PDB file of N, CA and C in Angstrom:
ATOM      1  N   MET A   1       0.845  -1.186   0.000  1.00  0.00           N
ATOM      2  CA  MET A   1       0.000   0.000   0.000  1.00  0.00           C
ATOM      3  C   MET A   1       0.886   1.244   0.000  1.00  0.00           C
ATOM      4  N   GLU A   2       0.509   2.185  -0.795  1.00  0.00           N
ATOM      5  CA  GLU A   2       1.261   3.425  -0.924  1.00  0.00           C
ATOM      6  C   GLU A   2       0.921   4.393   0.203  1.00  0.00           C
ATOM      7  N   ASN A   3       1.917   5.125   0.632  1.00  0.00           N
ATOM      8  CA  ASN A   3       1.744   6.157   1.632  1.00  0.00           C
ATOM      9  C   ASN A   3       0.962   7.317   1.015  1.00  0.00           C
ATOM     10  N   LEU A   4      -0.015   7.864   1.732  1.00  0.00           N
ATOM     11  CA  LEU A   4      -0.821   8.959   1.192  1.00  0.00           C
ATOM     12  C   LEU A   4       0.009  10.211   0.921  1.00  0.00           C
ATOM     13  N   ASP A   5       1.051  10.436   1.726  1.00  0.00           N
ATOM     14  CA  ASP A   5       1.944  11.567   1.455  1.00  0.00           C
ATOM     15  C   ASP A   5       2.619  11.401   0.102  1.00  0.00           C
ATOM     16  N   ASP A   6       3.064  10.177  -0.198  1.00  0.00           N
ATOM     17  CA  ASP A   6       3.700   9.912  -1.492  1.00  0.00           C
ATOM     18  C   ASP A   6       2.703  10.077  -2.634  1.00  0.00           C
ATOM     19  N   LEU A   7       1.467   9.654  -2.409  1.00  0.00           N
ATOM     20  CA  LEU A   7       0.440   9.792  -3.439  1.00  0.00           C
ATOM     21  C   LEU A   7       0.133  11.261  -3.697  1.00  0.00           C
ATOM     22  N   TYR A   8       0.095  12.077  -2.628  1.00  0.00           N
ATOM     23  CA  TYR A   8      -0.117  13.511  -2.821  1.00  0.00           C
ATOM     24  C   TYR A   8       1.066  14.132  -3.562  1.00  0.00           C
ATOM     25  N   LYS A   9       2.283  13.719  -3.217  1.00  0.00           N
ATOM     26  CA  LYS A   9       3.464  14.233  -3.920  1.00  0.00           C
ATOM     27  C   LYS A   9       3.399  13.894  -5.403  1.00  0.00           C
ATOM     28  N   TRP A  10       2.936  12.677  -5.733  1.00  0.00           N
ATOM     29  CA  TRP A  10       2.779  12.284  -7.134  1.00  0.00           C
ATOM     30  C   TRP A  10       1.740  13.187  -7.813  1.00  0.00           C
ATOM     31  N   PHE A  11       0.617  13.424  -7.131  1.00  0.00           N
ATOM     32  CA  PHE A  11      -0.391  14.336  -7.668  1.00  0.00           C
ATOM     33  C   PHE A  11       0.221  15.711  -7.919  1.00  0.00           C
ATOM     34  N   ASP A  12       0.939  16.227  -6.934  1.00  0.00           N
ATOM     35  CA  ASP A  12       1.498  17.568  -7.041  1.00  0.00           C
ATOM     36  C   ASP A  12       2.499  17.671  -8.198  1.00  0.00           C
ATOM     37  N   MET A  13       3.304  16.633  -8.398  1.00  0.00           N
ATOM     38  CA  MET A  13       4.271  16.627  -9.505  1.00  0.00           C
ATOM     39  C   MET A  13       3.583  16.561 -10.862  1.00  0.00           C
ATOM     40  N   ASN A  14       2.405  15.952 -10.918  1.00  0.00           N
ATOM     41  CA  ASN A  14       1.670  15.767 -12.166  1.00  0.00           C
ATOM     42  C   ASN A  14       0.424  16.623 -12.234  1.00  0.00           C
ATOM     43  N   ARG A  15       0.319  17.582 -11.341  1.00  0.00           N
ATOM     44  CA  ARG A  15      -0.883  18.393 -11.178  1.00  0.00           C
ATOM     45  C   ARG A  15      -1.367  19.018 -12.480  1.00  0.00           C
ATOM     46  N   ASP A  16      -0.484  19.669 -13.223  1.00  0.00           N
ATOM     47  CA  ASP A  16      -0.907  20.368 -14.442  1.00  0.00           C
ATOM     48  C   ASP A  16      -1.617  19.428 -15.407  1.00  0.00           C
ATOM     49  N   GLU A  17      -1.056  18.250 -15.596  1.00  0.00           N
ATOM     50  CA  GLU A  17      -1.646  17.269 -16.510  1.00  0.00           C
ATOM     51  C   GLU A  17      -2.969  16.724 -15.975  1.00  0.00           C
ATOM     52  N   ILE A  18      -3.017  16.460 -14.673  1.00  0.00           N
ATOM     53  CA  ILE A  18      -4.219  15.887 -14.054  1.00  0.00           C
ATOM     54  C   ILE A  18      -5.365  16.896 -14.046  1.00  0.00           C
ATOM     55  N   VAL A  19      -5.068  18.148 -13.735  1.00  0.00           N
ATOM     56  CA  VAL A  19      -6.096  19.183 -13.587  1.00  0.00           C
ATOM     57  C   VAL A  19      -6.618  19.674 -14.935  1.00  0.00           C
ATOM     58  N   LYS A  20      -5.773  19.685 -15.955  1.00  0.00           N
ATOM     59  CA  LYS A  20      -6.134  20.263 -17.258  1.00  0.00           C
ATOM     60  C   LYS A  20      -7.456  19.695 -17.783  1.00  0.00           C
ATOM     61  N   GLY A  21      -8.405  20.590 -17.979  1.00  0.00           N
ATOM     62  CA  GLY A  21      -9.711  20.213 -18.497  1.00  0.00           C
ATOM     63  C   GLY A  21     -10.680  19.710 -17.435  1.00  0.00           C
ATOM     64  N   HIS A  22     -10.237  19.640 -16.184  1.00  0.00           N
ATOM     65  CA  HIS A  22     -11.080  19.115 -15.108  1.00  0.00           C
ATOM     66  C   HIS A  22     -11.135  20.065 -13.916  1.00  0.00           C
ATOM     67  N   GLU A  23     -10.886  21.341 -14.152  1.00  0.00           N
ATOM     68  CA  GLU A  23     -10.843  22.326 -13.080  1.00  0.00           C
ATOM     69  C   GLU A  23     -12.133  22.294 -12.257  1.00  0.00           C
ATOM     70  N   GLY A  24     -11.970  22.243 -10.931  1.00  0.00           N
ATOM     71  CA  GLY A  24     -13.114  22.247 -10.032  1.00  0.00           C
ATOM     72  C   GLY A  24     -13.677  20.875  -9.724  1.00  0.00           C
ATOM     73  N   ALA A  25     -13.278  19.866 -10.476  1.00  0.00           N
ATOM     74  CA  ALA A  25     -13.755  18.507 -10.225  1.00  0.00           C
ATOM     75  C   ALA A  25     -12.954  17.884  -9.079  1.00  0.00           C
ATOM     76  N   SER A  26     -13.394  16.733  -8.636  1.00  0.00           N
ATOM     77  CA  SER A  26     -12.649  15.940  -7.666  1.00  0.00           C
ATOM     78  C   SER A  26     -12.069  14.742  -8.405  1.00  0.00           C
ATOM     79  N   VAL A  27     -10.802  14.458  -8.151  1.00  0.00           N
ATOM     80  CA  VAL A  27     -10.146  13.334  -8.817  1.00  0.00           C
ATOM     81  C   VAL A  27      -9.826  12.262  -7.782  1.00  0.00           C
ATOM     82  N   LEU A  28     -10.078  11.022  -8.152  1.00  0.00           N
ATOM     83  CA  LEU A  28      -9.777   9.875  -7.309  1.00  0.00           C
ATOM     84  C   LEU A  28      -8.458   9.284  -7.790  1.00  0.00           C
ATOM     85  N   LEU A  29      -7.489   9.194  -6.877  1.00  0.00           N
ATOM     86  CA  LEU A  29      -6.147   8.719  -7.200  1.00  0.00           C
ATOM     87  C   LEU A  29      -5.821   7.478  -6.388  1.00  0.00           C
ATOM     88  N   LYS A  30      -5.123   6.541  -7.025  1.00  0.00           N
ATOM     89  CA  LYS A  30      -4.681   5.323  -6.335  1.00  0.00           C
ATOM     90  C   LYS A  30      -3.505   4.748  -7.108  1.00  0.00           C
ATOM     91  N   ASP A  31      -2.480   4.309  -6.402  1.00  0.00           N
ATOM     92  CA  ASP A  31      -1.312   3.676  -7.031  1.00  0.00           C
ATOM     93  C   ASP A  31      -0.691   4.539  -8.129  1.00  0.00           C
ATOM     94  N   ASP A  32      -0.503   5.817  -7.846  1.00  0.00           N
ATOM     95  CA  ASP A  32       0.082   6.768  -8.800  1.00  0.00           C
ATOM     96  C   ASP A  32      -0.655   6.767 -10.141  1.00  0.00           C
ATOM     97  N   ALA A  33      -1.973   6.731 -10.062  1.00  0.00           N
ATOM     98  CA  ALA A  33      -2.800   6.761 -11.269  1.00  0.00           C
ATOM     99  C   ALA A  33      -4.112   7.471 -10.972  1.00  0.00           C
ATOM    100  N   VAL A  34      -4.649   8.095 -12.013  1.00  0.00           N
ATOM    101  CA  VAL A  34      -5.985   8.695 -11.934  1.00  0.00           C
ATOM    102  C   VAL A  34      -6.992   7.586 -12.169  1.00  0.00           C
ATOM    103  N   ILE A  35      -7.873   7.372 -11.211  1.00  0.00           N
ATOM    104  CA  ILE A  35      -8.923   6.373 -11.362  1.00  0.00           C
ATOM    105  C   ILE A  35     -10.077   6.975 -12.166  1.00  0.00           C
ATOM    106  N   SER A  36     -10.537   8.166 -11.736  1.00  0.00           N
ATOM    107  CA  SER A  36     -11.608   8.848 -12.459  1.00  0.00           C
ATOM    108  C   SER A  36     -11.822  10.233 -11.857  1.00  0.00           C
ATOM    109  N   TYR A  37     -12.610  11.030 -12.572  1.00  0.00           N
ATOM    110  CA  TYR A  37     -12.992  12.377 -12.128  1.00  0.00           C
ATOM    111  C   TYR A  37     -14.464  12.371 -11.739  1.00  0.00           C
ATOM    112  N   PHE A  38     -14.807  13.194 -10.737  1.00  0.00           N
ATOM    113  CA  PHE A  38     -16.167  13.239 -10.218  1.00  0.00           C
ATOM    114  C   PHE A  38     -16.570  14.687  -9.970  1.00  0.00           C
ATOM    115  N   PRO A  39     -17.870  14.970  -9.923  1.00  0.00           N
ATOM    116  CA  PRO A  39     -18.317  16.351  -9.710  1.00  0.00           C
ATOM    117  C   PRO A  39     -18.017  16.882  -8.311  1.00  0.00           C
ATOM    118  N   ASN A  40     -17.847  15.969  -7.326  1.00  0.00           N
ATOM    119  CA  ASN A  40     -17.562  16.410  -5.951  1.00  0.00           C
ATOM    120  C   ASN A  40     -16.913  15.274  -5.163  1.00  0.00           C
ATOM    121  N   ASP A  41     -16.437  15.599  -3.965  1.00  0.00           N
ATOM    122  CA  ASP A  41     -15.759  14.615  -3.117  1.00  0.00           C
ATOM    123  C   ASP A  41     -16.675  13.474  -2.698  1.00  0.00           C
ATOM    124  N   ASP A  42     -17.925  13.784  -2.392  1.00  0.00           N
ATOM    125  CA  ASP A  42     -18.854  12.748  -1.932  1.00  0.00           C
ATOM    126  C   ASP A  42     -19.063  11.674  -2.993  1.00  0.00           C
ATOM    127  N   THR A  43     -19.212  12.089  -4.237  1.00  0.00           N
ATOM    128  CA  THR A  43     -19.406  11.137  -5.331  1.00  0.00           C
ATOM    129  C   THR A  43     -18.156  10.282  -5.517  1.00  0.00           C
ATOM    130  N   ALA A  44     -16.990  10.904  -5.410  1.00  0.00           N
ATOM    131  CA  ALA A  44     -15.729  10.160  -5.526  1.00  0.00           C
ATOM    132  C   ALA A  44     -15.595   9.138  -4.401  1.00  0.00           C
ATOM    133  N   LEU A  45     -15.960   9.538  -3.182  1.00  0.00           N
ATOM    134  CA  LEU A  45     -15.878   8.626  -2.044  1.00  0.00           C
ATOM    135  C   LEU A  45     -16.845   7.459  -2.199  1.00  0.00           C
ATOM    136  N   GLU A  46     -18.047   7.725  -2.652  1.00  0.00           N
ATOM    137  CA  GLU A  46     -19.018   6.646  -2.882  1.00  0.00           C
ATOM    138  C   GLU A  46     -18.485   5.644  -3.904  1.00  0.00           C
ATOM    139  N   TYR A  47     -17.876   6.140  -4.976  1.00  0.00           N
ATOM    140  CA  TYR A  47     -17.295   5.261  -5.993  1.00  0.00           C
ATOM    141  C   TYR A  47     -16.176   4.410  -5.384  1.00  0.00           C
ATOM    142  N   ALA A  48     -15.313   5.036  -4.589  1.00  0.00           N
ATOM    143  CA  ALA A  48     -14.205   4.309  -3.966  1.00  0.00           C
ATOM    144  C   ALA A  48     -14.737   3.192  -3.065  1.00  0.00           C
ATOM    145  N   LYS A  49     -15.794   3.483  -2.307  1.00  0.00           N
ATOM    146  CA  LYS A  49     -16.395   2.473  -1.433  1.00  0.00           C
ATOM    147  C   LYS A  49     -16.976   1.323  -2.250  1.00  0.00           C
ATOM    148  N   LYS A  50     -17.729   1.650  -3.315  1.00  0.00           N
ATOM    149  CA  LYS A  50     -18.353   0.620  -4.160  1.00  0.00           C
ATOM    150  C   LYS A  50     -17.313  -0.244  -4.854  1.00  0.00           C
ATOM    151  N   THR A  51     -16.171   0.355  -5.163  1.00  0.00           N
ATOM    152  CA  THR A  51     -15.110  -0.363  -5.852  1.00  0.00           C
ATOM    153  C   THR A  51     -14.316  -1.251  -4.894  1.00  0.00           C
ATOM    154  N   GLY A  52     -14.484  -1.034  -3.601  1.00  0.00           N
ATOM    155  CA  GLY A  52     -13.813  -1.857  -2.606  1.00  0.00           C
ATOM    156  C   GLY A  52     -12.471  -1.320  -2.154  1.00  0.00           C
ATOM    157  N   PHE A  53     -12.186  -0.050  -2.457  1.00  0.00           N
ATOM    158  CA  PHE A  53     -10.937   0.555  -1.990  1.00  0.00           C
ATOM    159  C   PHE A  53     -11.005   0.707  -0.470  1.00  0.00           C
ATOM    160  N   SER A  54      -9.914   0.420   0.177  1.00  0.00           N
ATOM    161  CA  SER A  54      -9.823   0.588   1.630  1.00  0.00           C
ATOM    162  C   SER A  54      -9.384   2.002   1.960  1.00  0.00           C
ATOM    163  N   MET A  55      -9.873   2.511   3.081  1.00  0.00           N
ATOM    164  CA  MET A  55      -9.447   3.836   3.526  1.00  0.00           C
ATOM    165  C   MET A  55      -7.938   3.831   3.704  1.00  0.00           C
ATOM    166  N   GLY A  56      -7.300   4.903   3.245  1.00  0.00           N
ATOM    167  CA  GLY A  56      -5.860   5.015   3.370  1.00  0.00           C
ATOM    168  C   GLY A  56      -5.090   4.568   2.143  1.00  0.00           C
ATOM    169  N   GLU A  57      -5.776   3.941   1.168  1.00  0.00           N
ATOM    170  CA  GLU A  57      -5.073   3.506  -0.039  1.00  0.00           C
ATOM    171  C   GLU A  57      -5.436   4.333  -1.270  1.00  0.00           C
ATOM    172  N   PHE A  58      -6.258   5.356  -1.077  1.00  0.00           N
ATOM    173  CA  PHE A  58      -6.625   6.225  -2.191  1.00  0.00           C
ATOM    174  C   PHE A  58      -6.680   7.660  -1.692  1.00  0.00           C
ATOM    175  N   LEU A  59      -6.678   8.583  -2.630  1.00  0.00           N
ATOM    176  CA  LEU A  59      -6.720  10.002  -2.310  1.00  0.00           C
ATOM    177  C   LEU A  59      -7.749  10.671  -3.203  1.00  0.00           C
ATOM    178  N   ILE A  60      -8.571  11.515  -2.615  1.00  0.00           N
ATOM    179  CA  ILE A  60      -9.503  12.343  -3.377  1.00  0.00           C
ATOM    180  C   ILE A  60      -8.986  13.762  -3.267  1.00  0.00           C
ATOM    181  N   GLN A  61      -8.765  14.383  -4.422  1.00  0.00           N
ATOM    182  CA  GLN A  61      -8.150  15.704  -4.456  1.00  0.00           C
ATOM    183  C   GLN A  61      -8.958  16.624  -5.362  1.00  0.00           C
ATOM    184  N   GLU A  62      -9.138  17.866  -4.935  1.00  0.00           N
ATOM    185  CA  GLU A  62      -9.805  18.857  -5.780  1.00  0.00           C
ATOM    186  C   GLU A  62      -8.862  19.263  -6.904  1.00  0.00           C
ATOM    187  N   CYS A  63      -9.379  19.376  -8.091  1.00  0.00           N
ATOM    188  CA  CYS A  63      -8.581  19.772  -9.253  1.00  0.00           C
ATOM    189  C   CYS A  63      -8.452  21.293  -9.296  1.00  0.00           C
ATOM    190  N   ILE A  64      -7.417  21.784  -8.653  1.00  0.00           N
ATOM    191  CA  ILE A  64      -7.106  23.210  -8.669  1.00  0.00           C
ATOM    192  C   ILE A  64      -5.623  23.376  -8.958  1.00  0.00           C
ATOM    193  N   SER A  65      -5.298  24.514  -9.544  1.00  0.00           N
ATOM    194  CA  SER A  65      -3.902  24.786  -9.873  1.00  0.00           C
ATOM    195  C   SER A  65      -3.101  25.055  -8.610  1.00  0.00           C
ATOM    196  N   LYS A  66      -1.805  24.975  -8.733  1.00  0.00           N
ATOM    197  CA  LYS A  66      -0.917  25.256  -7.601  1.00  0.00           C
ATOM    198  C   LYS A  66      -1.113  26.690  -7.122  1.00  0.00           C
ATOM    199  N   ASP A  67      -1.306  27.628  -8.058  1.00  0.00           N
ATOM    200  CA  ASP A  67      -1.527  29.027  -7.695  1.00  0.00           C
ATOM    201  C   ASP A  67      -2.795  29.195  -6.871  1.00  0.00           C
ATOM    202  N   GLU A  68      -3.866  28.526  -7.273  1.00  0.00           N
ATOM    203  CA  GLU A  68      -5.125  28.622  -6.529  1.00  0.00           C
ATOM    204  C   GLU A  68      -4.996  28.021  -5.141  1.00  0.00           C
ATOM    205  N   GLU A  69      -4.248  26.945  -5.034  1.00  0.00           N
ATOM    206  CA  GLU A  69      -4.102  26.271  -3.756  1.00  0.00           C
ATOM    207  C   GLU A  69      -3.343  27.134  -2.745  1.00  0.00           C
ATOM    208  N   SER A  70      -2.403  27.917  -3.233  1.00  0.00           N
ATOM    209  CA  SER A  70      -1.579  28.700  -2.319  1.00  0.00           C
ATOM    210  C   SER A  70      -2.015  30.160  -2.213  1.00  0.00           C
ATOM    211  N   MET A  71      -3.173  30.488  -2.779  1.00  0.00           N
ATOM    212  CA  MET A  71      -3.656  31.860  -2.759  1.00  0.00           C
ATOM    213  C   MET A  71      -4.203  32.216  -1.374  1.00  0.00           C
ATOM    214  N   TYR A  72      -3.880  33.407  -0.927  1.00  0.00           N
ATOM    215  CA  TYR A  72      -4.407  33.905   0.341  1.00  0.00           C
ATOM    216  C   TYR A  72      -5.383  35.034   0.054  1.00  0.00           C
ATOM    217  N   TYR A  73      -6.457  35.081   0.789  1.00  0.00           N
ATOM    218  CA  TYR A  73      -7.454  36.124   0.616  1.00  0.00           C
ATOM    219  C   TYR A  73      -7.434  37.041   1.834  1.00  0.00           C
ATOM    220  N   TYR A  74      -7.420  38.321   1.572  1.00  0.00           N
ATOM    221  CA  TYR A  74      -7.427  39.311   2.644  1.00  0.00           C
ATOM    222  C   TYR A  74      -8.673  40.170   2.503  1.00  0.00           C
ATOM    223  N   ASN A  75      -9.265  40.526   3.616  1.00  0.00           N
ATOM    224  CA  ASN A  75     -10.444  41.365   3.598  1.00  0.00           C
ATOM    225  C   ASN A  75     -10.144  42.570   4.471  1.00  0.00           C
ATOM    226  N   GLU A  76     -10.156  43.739   3.846  1.00  0.00           N
ATOM    227  CA  GLU A  76      -9.872  44.959   4.573  1.00  0.00           C
ATOM    228  C   GLU A  76     -11.097  45.537   5.256  1.00  0.00           C
ATOM    229  N   ALA A  77     -12.258  44.950   5.042  1.00  0.00           N
ATOM    230  CA  ALA A  77     -13.503  45.473   5.599  1.00  0.00           C
ATOM    231  C   ALA A  77     -13.722  44.933   7.004  1.00  0.00           C
ATOM    232  N   VAL A  78     -12.858  45.289   7.901  1.00  0.00           N
ATOM    233  CA  VAL A  78     -12.961  44.852   9.295  1.00  0.00           C
ATOM    234  C   VAL A  78     -13.413  46.042  10.126  1.00  0.00           C
ATOM    235  N   SER A  79     -14.383  45.831  10.967  1.00  0.00           N
ATOM    236  CA  SER A  79     -14.808  46.919  11.847  1.00  0.00           C
ATOM    237  C   SER A  79     -14.840  46.443  13.282  1.00  0.00           C
ATOM    238  N   PHE A  80     -14.504  47.321  14.151  1.00  0.00           N
ATOM    239  CA  PHE A  80     -14.531  47.005  15.572  1.00  0.00           C
ATOM    240  C   PHE A  80     -15.580  47.897  16.223  1.00  0.00           C
ATOM    241  N   GLY A  81     -16.443  47.327  17.024  1.00  0.00           N
ATOM    242  CA  GLY A  81     -17.547  48.093  17.559  1.00  0.00           C
ATOM    243  C   GLY A  81     -17.543  48.313  18.988  1.00  0.00           C
TER     244      GLY A  81
END
């Protein structure tokens, strides 16, 4: 069984290829491979369960670019009363 940290590292190294054309979707990953794309995490998890994947041997990841993942949002509209 692959370590989930290693699987995430594989995703991150191949992110551009995996995300291209699937922005905003959830991707199911296992054994350094894309299993399939889904509209959301819940649907991906249901598929993984039906397929018989054990917890800890697969990763569900949102298809977002590295820039989006590391973006910080600031809101200057703070008021103290």
